[in-house]
Amino acid sequence: MAQNPIPSPRPRRVFSTTRLEAFSDGVYAIAITLLILNVVEATGGSPLDAFLDAWPSYVGYVVSFLTIGVAWIGHAALTDDLDHVDSLFLRLNLLLLMVVVFLPFPTSLVTAAFGDRDAERVAVTVYGVTLLCIRLMGIALDRYSARQRLYARDRDESELVR
């Protein structure tokens, strides 16, 4: 009596990184662009006074622009080292991009809450949690890539995204 052999697992589908990189770069660019929509001009007084009164918007713009820029640099470094990706990596990447695109919202909360202590606490907490999620998703992508051997070569410890 012949036994049924244990079926071998279906091989994972692998994808090139080209479309992943193009899509991710586009999403990062859109997220950075959305930040400018939160820069508001204060009303009242002279045009110079209105410009100067809107300084919280400018600070929020600069800080979040640089934050998204740093996240993009980390993402670019990670994806440059990839040989291929799988469907789970693509899904994890989408979660990262979702959080990055969310960052303009807490940025606007922080700048709008300026001067109201209770609102500032909530806004800064939402902003901080968003930054934490971006960082954690970057770490998750790096660790998943290493565990699944998605990198093109063994990376030196000094090259790892930290």
Protein backbone atom coordinates (compact mmCIF):
# COMPACT_ATOMS: atom_id res chain seq x y z
CA MET A 1 0.00 0.00 0.00
CA ALA A 2 1.58 3.26 -1.16
CA GLN A 3 1.48 6.21 1.14
CA ASN A 4 0.72 9.66 -0.15
CA PRO A 5 3.87 11.70 -0.01
CA ILE A 6 3.69 14.91 1.96
CA PRO A 7 3.11 17.63 -0.56
CA SER A 8 5.94 20.09 -0.78
CA PRO A 9 5.05 23.65 0.07
CA ARG A 10 4.21 25.86 -2.84
CA PRO A 11 7.19 28.04 -3.68
CA ARG A 12 6.89 31.67 -2.70
CA ARG A 13 6.36 34.05 -5.55
CA VAL A 14 9.19 36.53 -5.83
CA PHE A 15 9.09 39.97 -7.40
CA SER A 16 11.77 42.30 -8.66
CA THR A 17 12.35 45.46 -6.67
CA THR A 18 11.92 47.90 -9.56
CA ARG A 19 8.20 48.53 -9.20
CA LEU A 20 8.41 48.48 -5.41
CA GLU A 21 11.06 51.21 -5.48
CA ALA A 22 9.20 53.34 -8.04
CA PHE A 23 5.90 53.09 -6.17
CA SER A 24 7.53 53.76 -2.79
CA ASP A 25 9.45 56.77 -4.12
CA GLY A 26 6.22 58.17 -5.52
CA VAL A 27 4.39 57.73 -2.22
CA TYR A 28 7.21 59.40 -0.29
CA ALA A 29 7.12 62.30 -2.78
CA ILE A 30 3.36 62.67 -2.36
CA ALA A 31 3.66 62.59 1.45
CA ILE A 32 6.27 65.35 1.38
CA THR A 33 4.13 67.37 -1.02
CA LEU A 34 1.07 67.04 1.22
CA LEU A 35 2.98 68.77 4.01
CA ILE A 36 2.88 72.11 2.21
CA LEU A 37 -0.92 72.04 2.30
CA ASN A 38 -0.70 72.39 6.09
CA VAL A 39 1.27 75.62 5.90
CA VAL A 40 -1.29 78.29 6.61
CA GLU A 41 -1.01 82.01 6.40
CA ALA A 42 -2.18 83.83 9.49
CA THR A 43 -4.69 86.60 8.85
CA GLY A 44 -4.72 90.12 10.16
CA GLY A 45 -2.12 92.83 10.29
CA SER A 46 0.40 93.51 7.61
CA PRO A 47 1.49 90.80 5.20
CA LEU A 48 4.78 90.55 7.11
CA ASP A 49 2.94 90.13 10.43
CA ALA A 50 0.69 87.46 8.89
CA PHE A 51 3.74 85.66 7.53
CA LEU A 52 5.58 85.79 10.84
CA ASP A 53 2.50 84.73 12.86
CA ALA A 54 2.30 81.49 10.88
CA TRP A 55 5.70 80.29 12.16
CA PRO A 56 4.30 77.10 13.79
CA SER A 57 3.23 75.93 10.33
CA TYR A 58 6.71 76.49 8.97
CA VAL A 59 8.36 74.62 11.83
CA GLY A 60 5.93 71.71 11.41
CA TYR A 61 6.63 71.65 7.67
CA VAL A 62 10.41 71.61 8.09
CA VAL A 63 10.45 68.98 10.85
CA SER A 64 8.07 66.65 9.03
CA PHE A 65 9.77 67.21 5.67
CA LEU A 66 13.09 66.19 7.19
CA THR A 67 11.47 63.25 8.99
CA ILE A 68 9.95 61.91 5.78
CA GLY A 69 13.25 62.56 4.01
CA VAL A 70 15.16 60.51 6.58
CA ALA A 71 12.59 57.71 6.31
CA TRP A 72 12.97 57.78 2.52
CA ILE A 73 16.78 57.61 2.79
CA GLY A 74 16.50 54.58 5.09
CA HIS A 75 13.99 52.95 2.76
CA ALA A 76 16.22 53.63 -0.26
CA ALA A 77 19.22 52.11 1.50
CA LEU A 78 17.21 49.02 2.42
CA THR A 79 15.69 48.50 -1.02
CA ASP A 80 19.01 49.10 -2.79
CA ASP A 81 20.37 46.01 -1.09
CA LEU A 82 17.41 43.79 -1.98
CA ASP A 83 17.75 41.12 -4.62
CA HIS A 84 14.03 40.43 -4.76
CA VAL A 85 10.91 40.73 -2.60
CA ASP A 86 7.95 38.52 -1.83
CA SER A 87 4.28 39.28 -1.34
CA LEU A 88 4.60 39.63 2.44
CA PHE A 89 7.38 42.17 2.03
CA LEU A 90 5.15 44.14 -0.36
CA ARG A 91 2.36 44.13 2.23
CA LEU A 92 4.68 45.25 5.02
CA ASN A 93 5.98 47.99 2.73
CA LEU A 94 2.42 49.16 2.10
CA LEU A 95 1.87 49.46 5.84
CA LEU A 96 5.02 51.56 6.13
CA LEU A 97 3.90 53.80 3.28
CA MET A 98 0.43 54.14 4.83
CA VAL A 99 1.97 55.50 8.03
CA VAL A 100 4.34 57.82 6.14
CA VAL A 101 1.44 59.33 4.18
CA PHE A 102 -0.45 59.75 7.47
CA LEU A 103 2.29 62.03 8.90
CA PRO A 104 0.91 65.28 7.39
CA PHE A 105 -2.23 64.83 9.50
CA PRO A 106 -0.53 64.83 12.92
CA THR A 107 1.72 67.60 11.63
CA SER A 108 -1.35 69.74 11.03
CA LEU A 109 -2.71 68.76 14.47
CA VAL A 110 0.48 69.96 16.16
CA THR A 111 0.60 73.27 14.32
CA ALA A 112 -3.13 73.93 14.86
CA ALA A 113 -2.90 73.07 18.57
CA PHE A 114 -0.04 75.45 19.25
CA GLY A 115 -0.86 77.46 22.36
CA ASP A 116 -3.58 75.15 23.73
CA ARG A 117 -1.91 72.86 26.29
CA ASP A 118 -4.49 70.07 26.22
CA ALA A 119 -4.69 70.02 22.43
CA GLU A 120 -0.89 70.15 22.20
CA ARG A 121 -0.56 67.03 24.35
CA VAL A 122 -2.93 65.07 22.17
CA ALA A 123 -1.37 66.32 18.93
CA VAL A 124 2.19 65.66 20.04
CA THR A 125 1.22 62.18 21.24
CA VAL A 126 -0.38 61.35 17.88
CA TYR A 127 2.70 62.77 16.12
CA GLY A 128 5.08 60.77 18.31
CA VAL A 129 3.15 57.52 17.86
CA THR A 130 3.19 58.07 14.10
CA LEU A 131 6.97 58.55 14.14
CA LEU A 132 7.35 55.43 16.27
CA CYS A 133 5.24 53.43 13.81
CA ILE A 134 7.36 54.62 10.87
CA ARG A 135 10.51 53.52 12.67
CA LEU A 136 9.08 50.18 13.75
CA MET A 137 7.89 49.42 10.22
CA GLY A 138 11.37 50.22 8.87
CA ILE A 139 12.90 47.83 11.39
CA ALA A 140 10.31 45.17 10.54
CA LEU A 141 11.13 45.44 6.83
CA ASP A 142 14.85 45.12 7.51
CA ARG A 143 14.48 42.15 9.84
CA TYR A 144 12.02 40.39 7.56
CA SER A 145 14.36 40.90 4.60
CA ALA A 146 17.28 39.43 6.50
CA ARG A 147 15.28 36.47 7.81
CA GLN A 148 13.83 35.62 4.40
CA ARG A 149 17.16 36.16 2.63
CA LEU A 150 15.83 38.87 0.35
CA TYR A 151 19.09 40.78 0.35
CA ALA A 152 21.33 40.44 -2.68
CA ARG A 153 24.39 39.86 -0.52
CA ASP A 154 25.28 39.51 3.10
CA ARG A 155 25.36 43.00 4.50
CA ASP A 156 28.04 44.18 6.84
CA GLU A 157 26.72 45.07 10.32
CA SER A 158 27.71 48.70 9.70
CA GLU A 159 25.28 48.87 6.76
CA LEU A 160 22.19 47.76 8.68
CA VAL A 161 19.34 50.21 9.05
CA ARG A 162 19.20 51.24 12.68
